[in-house]
Amino acid sequence: MPNGPTKPDKLPTVPAENRNKLSHGQRAADQVTRVVGSWYFIIGLFIIMAIWMSLNAIEYFWYPWDPYPFVLLNFVLSLLAAVQAPIILMSQNRTAERDRLRQEYDYYINRRAEHGIEDIKKELKSIKYYIQKK
């Protein structure tokens, strides 16, 4: 919830996100989400998988360390998914909280604008009444 009074005449303040106030884990979660959510990561992962499968499928030059069913590759990918999922969720939770604060701030701004419009309508009504009396 934004800090400050909730009266429509007083605008609450929304704390701006300060990178220095974030914990190391929060910064790491944001960085991992930024990297993992990029096309560079997806393309790089596909390239690594293709190289891994190619090197292990060709048995002419050396003995493959992970033969055809690629059990080790499956384990590595499962481990990667198991680690990435909670980190991405942490980052999304922080983003959702930030969005909630922004929405609440927008609500207070809209309420303040509504009260301002009501005041202007009252003033116009009194001016109209004054002009009609003359």
C-alpha atoms as a PDB file:
ATOM      1  CA  MET A   1       0.000   0.000   0.000  1.00  0.00           C
ATOM      2  CA  PRO A   2       1.374   3.444  -0.792  1.00  0.00           C
ATOM      3  CA  ASN A   3       2.665   5.502   2.060  1.00  0.00           C
ATOM      4  CA  GLY A   4       0.754   8.540   3.165  1.00  0.00           C
ATOM      5  CA  PRO A   5      -2.805   9.542   3.881  1.00  0.00           C
ATOM      6  CA  THR A   6      -5.663   8.159   1.843  1.00  0.00           C
ATOM      7  CA  LYS A   7      -7.659  11.386   1.681  1.00  0.00           C
ATOM      8  CA  PRO A   8      -8.372  12.422  -1.881  1.00  0.00           C
ATOM      9  CA  ASP A   9      -6.787  15.857  -1.395  1.00  0.00           C
ATOM     10  CA  LYS A  10      -3.461  14.349  -0.334  1.00  0.00           C
ATOM     11  CA  LEU A  11      -1.660  12.265  -2.930  1.00  0.00           C
ATOM     12  CA  PRO A  12       0.124   9.232  -1.462  1.00  0.00           C
ATOM     13  CA  THR A  13       3.665   8.511  -2.440  1.00  0.00           C
ATOM     14  CA  VAL A  14       4.675   5.323  -4.187  1.00  0.00           C
ATOM     15  CA  PRO A  15       8.157   4.232  -3.222  1.00  0.00           C
ATOM     16  CA  ALA A  16      10.281   4.108  -6.343  1.00  0.00           C
ATOM     17  CA  GLU A  17      12.166   0.877  -6.728  1.00  0.00           C
ATOM     18  CA  ASN A  18      15.727   1.514  -5.737  1.00  0.00           C
ATOM     19  CA  ARG A  19      18.230  -0.991  -7.119  1.00  0.00           C
ATOM     20  CA  ASN A  20      20.402  -0.479  -4.024  1.00  0.00           C
ATOM     21  CA  LYS A  21      17.580  -1.624  -1.731  1.00  0.00           C
ATOM     22  CA  LEU A  22      17.181  -4.959  -3.492  1.00  0.00           C
ATOM     23  CA  SER A  23      18.783  -8.001  -1.918  1.00  0.00           C
ATOM     24  CA  HIS A  24      21.405  -9.972  -3.807  1.00  0.00           C
ATOM     25  CA  GLY A  25      18.849 -12.720  -4.405  1.00  0.00           C
ATOM     26  CA  GLN A  26      16.315 -10.284  -5.863  1.00  0.00           C
ATOM     27  CA  ARG A  27      18.906  -8.773  -8.182  1.00  0.00           C
ATOM     28  CA  ALA A  28      20.050 -12.252  -9.222  1.00  0.00           C
ATOM     29  CA  ALA A  29      16.452 -13.330  -9.882  1.00  0.00           C
ATOM     30  CA  ASP A  30      15.887 -10.269 -12.072  1.00  0.00           C
ATOM     31  CA  GLN A  31      19.110 -10.900 -13.980  1.00  0.00           C
ATOM     32  CA  VAL A  32      18.355 -14.603 -14.499  1.00  0.00           C
ATOM     33  CA  THR A  33      14.852 -13.737 -15.716  1.00  0.00           C
ATOM     34  CA  ARG A  34      16.277 -11.156 -18.126  1.00  0.00           C
ATOM     35  CA  VAL A  35      18.824 -13.624 -19.540  1.00  0.00           C
ATOM     36  CA  VAL A  36      16.610 -16.721 -19.646  1.00  0.00           C
ATOM     37  CA  GLY A  37      13.767 -14.774 -21.234  1.00  0.00           C
ATOM     38  CA  SER A  38      15.877 -13.673 -24.184  1.00  0.00           C
ATOM     39  CA  TRP A  39      16.156 -15.109 -27.663  1.00  0.00           C
ATOM     40  CA  TYR A  40      19.941 -15.320 -27.208  1.00  0.00           C
ATOM     41  CA  PHE A  41      19.470 -17.853 -24.425  1.00  0.00           C
ATOM     42  CA  ILE A  42      16.934 -19.922 -26.361  1.00  0.00           C
ATOM     43  CA  ILE A  43      19.059 -20.010 -29.515  1.00  0.00           C
ATOM     44  CA  GLY A  44      22.210 -20.716 -27.490  1.00  0.00           C
ATOM     45  CA  LEU A  45      20.480 -23.566 -25.677  1.00  0.00           C
ATOM     46  CA  PHE A  46      19.368 -25.096 -28.978  1.00  0.00           C
ATOM     47  CA  ILE A  47      22.895 -24.801 -30.369  1.00  0.00           C
ATOM     48  CA  ILE A  48      24.409 -26.452 -27.282  1.00  0.00           C
ATOM     49  CA  MET A  49      21.825 -29.252 -27.453  1.00  0.00           C
ATOM     50  CA  ALA A  50      22.502 -29.798 -31.166  1.00  0.00           C
ATOM     51  CA  ILE A  51      26.262 -29.953 -30.576  1.00  0.00           C
ATOM     52  CA  TRP A  52      25.792 -32.291 -27.596  1.00  0.00           C
ATOM     53  CA  MET A  53      23.563 -34.667 -29.566  1.00  0.00           C
ATOM     54  CA  SER A  54      25.786 -34.515 -32.651  1.00  0.00           C
ATOM     55  CA  LEU A  55      28.967 -35.293 -30.725  1.00  0.00           C
ATOM     56  CA  ASN A  56      27.296 -38.161 -28.894  1.00  0.00           C
ATOM     57  CA  ALA A  57      25.595 -39.576 -31.989  1.00  0.00           C
ATOM     58  CA  ILE A  58      28.848 -39.802 -33.963  1.00  0.00           C
ATOM     59  CA  GLU A  59      30.803 -42.774 -32.633  1.00  0.00           C
ATOM     60  CA  TYR A  60      33.521 -42.796 -35.274  1.00  0.00           C
ATOM     61  CA  PHE A  61      36.106 -40.546 -33.609  1.00  0.00           C
ATOM     62  CA  TRP A  62      35.620 -41.172 -29.886  1.00  0.00           C
ATOM     63  CA  TYR A  63      33.468 -42.958 -27.372  1.00  0.00           C
ATOM     64  CA  PRO A  64      30.322 -40.899 -26.647  1.00  0.00           C
ATOM     65  CA  TRP A  65      29.939 -39.817 -23.020  1.00  0.00           C
ATOM     66  CA  ASP A  66      26.116 -39.717 -23.327  1.00  0.00           C
ATOM     67  CA  PRO A  67      24.874 -42.302 -25.878  1.00  0.00           C
ATOM     68  CA  TYR A  68      21.629 -42.116 -27.865  1.00  0.00           C
ATOM     69  CA  PRO A  69      18.817 -41.784 -25.326  1.00  0.00           C
ATOM     70  CA  PHE A  70      20.846 -38.802 -24.010  1.00  0.00           C
ATOM     71  CA  VAL A  71      20.010 -39.470 -20.359  1.00  0.00           C
ATOM     72  CA  LEU A  72      22.640 -37.033 -19.101  1.00  0.00           C
ATOM     73  CA  LEU A  73      21.323 -34.274 -21.388  1.00  0.00           C
ATOM     74  CA  ASN A  74      17.812 -34.963 -20.121  1.00  0.00           C
ATOM     75  CA  PHE A  75      19.058 -34.711 -16.534  1.00  0.00           C
ATOM     76  CA  VAL A  76      20.870 -31.424 -17.224  1.00  0.00           C
ATOM     77  CA  LEU A  77      17.798 -29.899 -18.890  1.00  0.00           C
ATOM     78  CA  SER A  78      15.542 -31.071 -16.039  1.00  0.00           C
ATOM     79  CA  LEU A  79      17.926 -29.581 -13.496  1.00  0.00           C
ATOM     80  CA  LEU A  80      18.021 -26.317 -15.453  1.00  0.00           C
ATOM     81  CA  ALA A  81      14.205 -26.157 -15.509  1.00  0.00           C
ATOM     82  CA  ALA A  82      13.967 -27.003 -11.798  1.00  0.00           C
ATOM     83  CA  VAL A  83      16.328 -24.160 -10.881  1.00  0.00           C
ATOM     84  CA  GLN A  84      14.942 -21.596 -13.331  1.00  0.00           C
ATOM     85  CA  ALA A  85      11.257 -21.958 -12.461  1.00  0.00           C
ATOM     86  CA  PRO A  86      11.393 -20.730  -8.829  1.00  0.00           C
ATOM     87  CA  ILE A  87      13.792 -17.917  -9.747  1.00  0.00           C
ATOM     88  CA  ILE A  88      11.494 -16.694 -12.511  1.00  0.00           C
ATOM     89  CA  LEU A  89       8.508 -16.914 -10.154  1.00  0.00           C
ATOM     90  CA  MET A  90      10.328 -14.782  -7.560  1.00  0.00           C
ATOM     91  CA  SER A  91      10.976 -12.119 -10.164  1.00  0.00           C
ATOM     92  CA  GLN A  92       7.368 -12.257 -11.366  1.00  0.00           C
ATOM     93  CA  ASN A  93       6.092 -11.878  -7.794  1.00  0.00           C
ATOM     94  CA  ARG A  94       8.159  -8.727  -7.366  1.00  0.00           C
ATOM     95  CA  THR A  95       6.860  -7.403 -10.681  1.00  0.00           C
ATOM     96  CA  ALA A  96       3.271  -8.155  -9.631  1.00  0.00           C
ATOM     97  CA  GLU A  97       3.769  -6.284  -6.341  1.00  0.00           C
ATOM     98  CA  ARG A  98       5.256  -3.319  -8.196  1.00  0.00           C
ATOM     99  CA  ASP A  99       2.305  -3.325 -10.616  1.00  0.00           C
ATOM    100  CA  ARG A 100      -0.156  -3.495  -7.723  1.00  0.00           C
ATOM    101  CA  LEU A 101       1.440  -0.433  -6.142  1.00  0.00           C
ATOM    102  CA  ARG A 102       1.281   1.432  -9.449  1.00  0.00           C
ATOM    103  CA  GLN A 103      -2.399   0.558  -9.867  1.00  0.00           C
ATOM    104  CA  GLU A 104      -3.169   1.764  -6.373  1.00  0.00           C
ATOM    105  CA  TYR A 105      -1.270   4.968  -7.059  1.00  0.00           C
ATOM    106  CA  ASP A 106      -3.238   5.450 -10.289  1.00  0.00           C
ATOM    107  CA  TYR A 107      -6.453   4.920  -8.333  1.00  0.00           C
ATOM    108  CA  TYR A 108      -5.540   7.722  -5.923  1.00  0.00           C
ATOM    109  CA  ILE A 109      -4.637  10.015  -8.813  1.00  0.00           C
ATOM    110  CA  ASN A 110      -7.992   9.277 -10.460  1.00  0.00           C
ATOM    111  CA  ARG A 111      -9.847   9.941  -7.202  1.00  0.00           C
ATOM    112  CA  ARG A 112      -8.032  13.240  -6.840  1.00  0.00           C
ATOM    113  CA  ALA A 113      -8.920  14.190 -10.423  1.00  0.00           C
ATOM    114  CA  GLU A 114     -12.535  13.224  -9.807  1.00  0.00           C
ATOM    115  CA  HIS A 115     -12.739  15.488  -6.768  1.00  0.00           C
ATOM    116  CA  GLY A 116     -11.126  18.292  -8.756  1.00  0.00           C
ATOM    117  CA  ILE A 117     -13.700  17.896 -11.517  1.00  0.00           C
ATOM    118  CA  GLU A 118     -16.509  17.927  -8.959  1.00  0.00           C
ATOM    119  CA  ASP A 119     -15.129  21.169  -7.496  1.00  0.00           C
ATOM    120  CA  ILE A 120     -14.952  22.711 -10.976  1.00  0.00           C
ATOM    121  CA  LYS A 121     -18.551  21.649 -11.660  1.00  0.00           C
ATOM    122  CA  LYS A 122     -19.667  23.309  -8.414  1.00  0.00           C
ATOM    123  CA  GLU A 123     -17.822  26.486  -9.345  1.00  0.00           C
ATOM    124  CA  LEU A 124     -19.366  26.495 -12.823  1.00  0.00           C
ATOM    125  CA  LYS A 125     -22.788  25.939 -11.318  1.00  0.00           C
ATOM    126  CA  SER A 126     -22.320  28.889  -8.961  1.00  0.00           C
ATOM    127  CA  ILE A 127     -21.058  31.079 -11.847  1.00  0.00           C
ATOM    128  CA  LYS A 128     -24.055  30.036 -13.953  1.00  0.00           C
ATOM    129  CA  TYR A 129     -26.389  30.871 -11.064  1.00  0.00           C
ATOM    130  CA  TYR A 130     -24.671  34.243 -10.597  1.00  0.00           C
ATOM    131  CA  ILE A 131     -24.960  35.087 -14.328  1.00  0.00           C
ATOM    132  CA  GLN A 132     -28.620  34.079 -14.464  1.00  0.00           C
ATOM    133  CA  LYS A 133     -29.424  36.339 -11.488  1.00  0.00           C
ATOM    134  CA  LYS A 134     -28.162  39.420 -13.320  1.00  0.00           C
END
